[in-house]
Amino acid sequence: MSVSLNVMYFAWLRERIGVSSEAVETTAATVSELIDELAAREERYAVAFQDLSVIKVAVDQVMVDFSTPLKGANEVAFFPPMTGG
């Protein structure tokens, strides 16, 4: 079953992918499966998601890991780890 998610990209992820957010129709059950679907779309997504160790994710504004289920989710946000300054 396909679900519609608002997917948001921040910082260098937004720069590499070229959009700050988009509506995504997906059959992914987890964040990891969503990343696989996105990376398979186009080279720009594959490049952005090539090193998951430098990417954090939130589902409906709650920090989660890549194995988190997407059932019932409305929003997924990807961003680099925050640093102080």
N, C-alpha and C. Protein backbone atom coordinates (compact mmCIF):
# COMPACT_ATOMS: atom_id res chain seq x y z
N MET A 1 0.84 -1.19 0.00
CA MET A 1 0.00 0.00 0.00
C MET A 1 0.88 1.25 0.00
N SER A 2 0.57 2.18 -0.83
CA SER A 2 1.33 3.41 -0.98
C SER A 2 0.82 4.48 -0.01
N VAL A 3 1.76 5.24 0.56
CA VAL A 3 1.39 6.36 1.43
C VAL A 3 2.08 7.62 0.91
N SER A 4 1.51 8.75 1.23
CA SER A 4 2.08 10.03 0.84
C SER A 4 2.75 10.67 2.06
N LEU A 5 4.01 11.05 1.89
CA LEU A 5 4.77 11.68 2.96
C LEU A 5 5.31 13.02 2.50
N ASN A 6 5.42 13.96 3.41
CA ASN A 6 6.15 15.19 3.15
C ASN A 6 7.59 14.91 3.59
N VAL A 7 8.51 14.94 2.63
CA VAL A 7 9.92 14.67 2.94
C VAL A 7 10.67 15.98 2.84
N MET A 8 11.43 16.31 3.90
CA MET A 8 12.17 17.56 3.96
C MET A 8 13.66 17.28 4.04
N TYR A 9 14.43 18.17 3.40
CA TYR A 9 15.89 18.04 3.37
C TYR A 9 16.49 19.35 3.87
N PHE A 10 17.51 19.25 4.72
CA PHE A 10 18.13 20.44 5.30
C PHE A 10 19.62 20.48 5.00
N ALA A 11 20.16 21.70 5.04
CA ALA A 11 21.59 21.98 4.89
C ALA A 11 22.13 21.40 3.58
N TRP A 12 23.25 20.68 3.64
CA TRP A 12 23.88 20.18 2.41
C TRP A 12 23.04 19.12 1.71
N LEU A 13 22.15 18.45 2.42
CA LEU A 13 21.24 17.50 1.75
C LEU A 13 20.31 18.25 0.79
N ARG A 14 19.79 19.38 1.25
CA ARG A 14 18.93 20.22 0.41
C ARG A 14 19.72 20.71 -0.81
N GLU A 15 20.96 21.11 -0.60
CA GLU A 15 21.79 21.61 -1.70
C GLU A 15 22.06 20.51 -2.73
N ARG A 16 22.36 19.30 -2.29
CA ARG A 16 22.66 18.20 -3.21
C ARG A 16 21.43 17.71 -3.96
N ILE A 17 20.30 17.66 -3.27
CA ILE A 17 19.08 17.15 -3.90
C ILE A 17 18.40 18.23 -4.73
N GLY A 18 18.50 19.47 -4.28
CA GLY A 18 17.98 20.58 -5.07
C GLY A 18 16.60 21.07 -4.67
N VAL A 19 16.00 20.48 -3.65
CA VAL A 19 14.71 20.94 -3.15
C VAL A 19 14.74 20.89 -1.62
N SER A 20 13.92 21.73 -0.99
CA SER A 20 13.88 21.72 0.47
C SER A 20 12.84 20.73 0.99
N SER A 21 11.80 20.46 0.18
CA SER A 21 10.80 19.48 0.58
C SER A 21 10.05 19.01 -0.66
N GLU A 22 9.43 17.85 -0.52
CA GLU A 22 8.63 17.31 -1.61
C GLU A 22 7.64 16.29 -1.07
N ALA A 23 6.53 16.15 -1.78
CA ALA A 23 5.57 15.10 -1.46
C ALA A 23 6.06 13.83 -2.15
N VAL A 24 6.14 12.74 -1.38
CA VAL A 24 6.66 11.48 -1.91
C VAL A 24 5.62 10.39 -1.71
N GLU A 25 5.27 9.72 -2.78
CA GLU A 25 4.42 8.52 -2.70
C GLU A 25 5.37 7.34 -2.52
N THR A 26 5.17 6.56 -1.48
CA THR A 26 6.10 5.47 -1.19
C THR A 26 5.38 4.22 -0.70
N THR A 27 6.00 3.10 -0.94
CA THR A 27 5.53 1.84 -0.37
C THR A 27 6.48 1.38 0.73
N ALA A 28 7.46 2.23 1.07
CA ALA A 28 8.45 1.90 2.10
C ALA A 28 7.79 1.69 3.45
N ALA A 29 8.25 0.66 4.16
CA ALA A 29 7.72 0.37 5.49
C ALA A 29 8.56 1.04 6.58
N THR A 30 9.82 1.34 6.27
CA THR A 30 10.73 1.94 7.25
C THR A 30 11.48 3.11 6.63
N VAL A 31 12.13 3.89 7.47
CA VAL A 31 12.96 5.00 6.99
C VAL A 31 14.03 4.46 6.05
N SER A 32 14.66 3.36 6.41
CA SER A 32 15.71 2.77 5.57
C SER A 32 15.20 2.43 4.17
N GLU A 33 14.01 1.86 4.09
CA GLU A 33 13.42 1.53 2.78
C GLU A 33 13.10 2.80 2.00
N LEU A 34 12.68 3.86 2.68
CA LEU A 34 12.42 5.13 2.01
C LEU A 34 13.72 5.68 1.42
N ILE A 35 14.80 5.61 2.18
CA ILE A 35 16.10 6.07 1.68
C ILE A 35 16.50 5.26 0.44
N ASP A 36 16.30 3.95 0.48
CA ASP A 36 16.61 3.12 -0.69
C ASP A 36 15.81 3.55 -1.91
N GLU A 37 14.52 3.82 -1.72
CA GLU A 37 13.67 4.27 -2.83
C GLU A 37 14.15 5.61 -3.38
N LEU A 38 14.46 6.54 -2.48
CA LEU A 38 14.92 7.86 -2.92
C LEU A 38 16.25 7.75 -3.66
N ALA A 39 17.19 6.99 -3.11
CA ALA A 39 18.51 6.85 -3.73
C ALA A 39 18.44 6.21 -5.11
N ALA A 40 17.43 5.38 -5.33
CA ALA A 40 17.27 4.72 -6.63
C ALA A 40 16.63 5.64 -7.67
N ARG A 41 16.07 6.76 -7.25
CA ARG A 41 15.39 7.69 -8.16
C ARG A 41 16.33 8.31 -9.20
N GLU A 42 17.35 8.98 -8.68
CA GLU A 42 18.26 9.77 -9.52
C GLU A 42 19.61 9.85 -8.84
N GLU A 43 20.62 10.20 -9.60
CA GLU A 43 21.99 10.32 -9.09
C GLU A 43 22.09 11.30 -7.93
N ARG A 44 21.37 12.42 -8.01
CA ARG A 44 21.49 13.43 -6.95
C ARG A 44 21.04 12.88 -5.59
N TYR A 45 20.02 12.02 -5.57
CA TYR A 45 19.59 11.38 -4.32
C TYR A 45 20.62 10.35 -3.87
N ALA A 46 21.12 9.57 -4.81
CA ALA A 46 22.12 8.55 -4.48
C ALA A 46 23.35 9.19 -3.84
N VAL A 47 23.79 10.31 -4.39
CA VAL A 47 24.95 11.03 -3.84
C VAL A 47 24.64 11.55 -2.43
N ALA A 48 23.47 12.13 -2.25
CA ALA A 48 23.10 12.70 -0.96
C ALA A 48 23.03 11.64 0.14
N PHE A 49 22.56 10.44 -0.22
CA PHE A 49 22.37 9.39 0.78
C PHE A 49 23.47 8.33 0.79
N GLN A 50 24.60 8.60 0.16
CA GLN A 50 25.64 7.58 0.07
C GLN A 50 26.31 7.26 1.40
N ASP A 51 26.35 8.20 2.34
CA ASP A 51 26.98 7.96 3.64
C ASP A 51 25.98 8.27 4.75
N LEU A 52 25.27 7.24 5.20
CA LEU A 52 24.23 7.45 6.21
C LEU A 52 24.79 7.80 7.59
N SER A 53 26.08 7.62 7.79
CA SER A 53 26.66 7.94 9.09
C SER A 53 26.67 9.45 9.35
N VAL A 54 26.47 10.26 8.30
CA VAL A 54 26.46 11.71 8.47
C VAL A 54 25.06 12.30 8.26
N ILE A 55 24.04 11.44 8.41
CA ILE A 55 22.66 11.89 8.24
C ILE A 55 21.83 11.50 9.46
N LYS A 56 21.06 12.44 9.93
CA LYS A 56 20.09 12.19 11.01
C LYS A 56 18.69 12.26 10.40
N VAL A 57 17.73 11.65 11.09
CA VAL A 57 16.37 11.63 10.56
C VAL A 57 15.36 11.84 11.69
N ALA A 58 14.28 12.53 11.35
CA ALA A 58 13.16 12.71 12.27
C ALA A 58 11.88 12.32 11.54
N VAL A 59 11.01 11.63 12.23
CA VAL A 59 9.69 11.29 11.70
C VAL A 59 8.67 12.02 12.55
N ASP A 60 7.87 12.83 11.91
CA ASP A 60 6.89 13.67 12.61
C ASP A 60 7.54 14.43 13.76
N GLN A 61 8.71 15.00 13.48
CA GLN A 61 9.47 15.88 14.39
C GLN A 61 10.01 15.17 15.62
N VAL A 62 10.18 13.84 15.55
CA VAL A 62 10.79 13.07 16.63
C VAL A 62 12.02 12.38 16.06
N MET A 63 13.17 12.57 16.70
CA MET A 63 14.41 11.92 16.24
C MET A 63 14.25 10.40 16.33
N VAL A 64 14.61 9.72 15.24
CA VAL A 64 14.46 8.27 15.17
C VAL A 64 15.68 7.67 14.48
N ASP A 65 15.72 6.34 14.41
CA ASP A 65 16.78 5.70 13.64
C ASP A 65 16.21 5.18 12.32
N PHE A 66 17.09 4.65 11.49
CA PHE A 66 16.69 4.26 10.14
C PHE A 66 15.75 3.06 10.09
N SER A 67 15.65 2.31 11.17
CA SER A 67 14.77 1.13 11.20
C SER A 67 13.34 1.48 11.62
N THR A 68 13.09 2.75 11.90
CA THR A 68 11.77 3.19 12.37
C THR A 68 10.69 2.97 11.31
N PRO A 69 9.56 2.37 11.70
CA PRO A 69 8.44 2.19 10.75
C PRO A 69 7.84 3.53 10.35
N LEU A 70 7.33 3.59 9.13
CA LEU A 70 6.69 4.81 8.63
C LEU A 70 5.17 4.77 8.74
N LYS A 71 4.62 3.68 9.23
CA LYS A 71 3.17 3.56 9.33
C LYS A 71 2.60 4.71 10.15
N GLY A 72 1.64 5.41 9.58
CA GLY A 72 1.00 6.53 10.26
C GLY A 72 1.76 7.84 10.21
N ALA A 73 2.96 7.84 9.62
CA ALA A 73 3.78 9.06 9.58
C ALA A 73 3.26 10.02 8.52
N ASN A 74 3.48 11.31 8.76
CA ASN A 74 3.12 12.35 7.81
C ASN A 74 4.34 13.05 7.23
N GLU A 75 5.44 13.08 8.02
CA GLU A 75 6.59 13.89 7.64
C GLU A 75 7.88 13.17 8.01
N VAL A 76 8.84 13.22 7.10
CA VAL A 76 10.19 12.70 7.36
C VAL A 76 11.17 13.80 7.01
N ALA A 77 12.10 14.09 7.93
CA ALA A 77 13.10 15.13 7.70
C ALA A 77 14.50 14.53 7.80
N PHE A 78 15.33 14.88 6.82
CA PHE A 78 16.73 14.43 6.81
C PHE A 78 17.64 15.63 6.97
N PHE A 79 18.67 15.49 7.82
CA PHE A 79 19.59 16.60 8.05
C PHE A 79 20.91 16.07 8.59
N PRO A 80 21.98 16.87 8.46
CA PRO A 80 23.24 16.47 9.03
C PRO A 80 23.21 16.67 10.55
N PRO A 81 24.12 16.00 11.26
CA PRO A 81 24.18 16.21 12.72
C PRO A 81 24.42 17.70 13.01
N MET A 82 23.80 18.19 14.04
CA MET A 82 23.97 19.59 14.41
C MET A 82 25.29 19.77 15.16
N THR A 83 25.92 20.90 14.92
CA THR A 83 27.14 21.20 15.64
C THR A 83 26.99 22.54 16.34
N GLY A 84 27.67 22.68 17.43
CA GLY A 84 27.61 23.95 18.17
C GLY A 84 28.55 24.96 17.54
N GLY A 85 28.45 26.19 17.95
CA GLY A 85 29.33 27.17 17.35
C GLY A 85 29.29 28.40 18.09
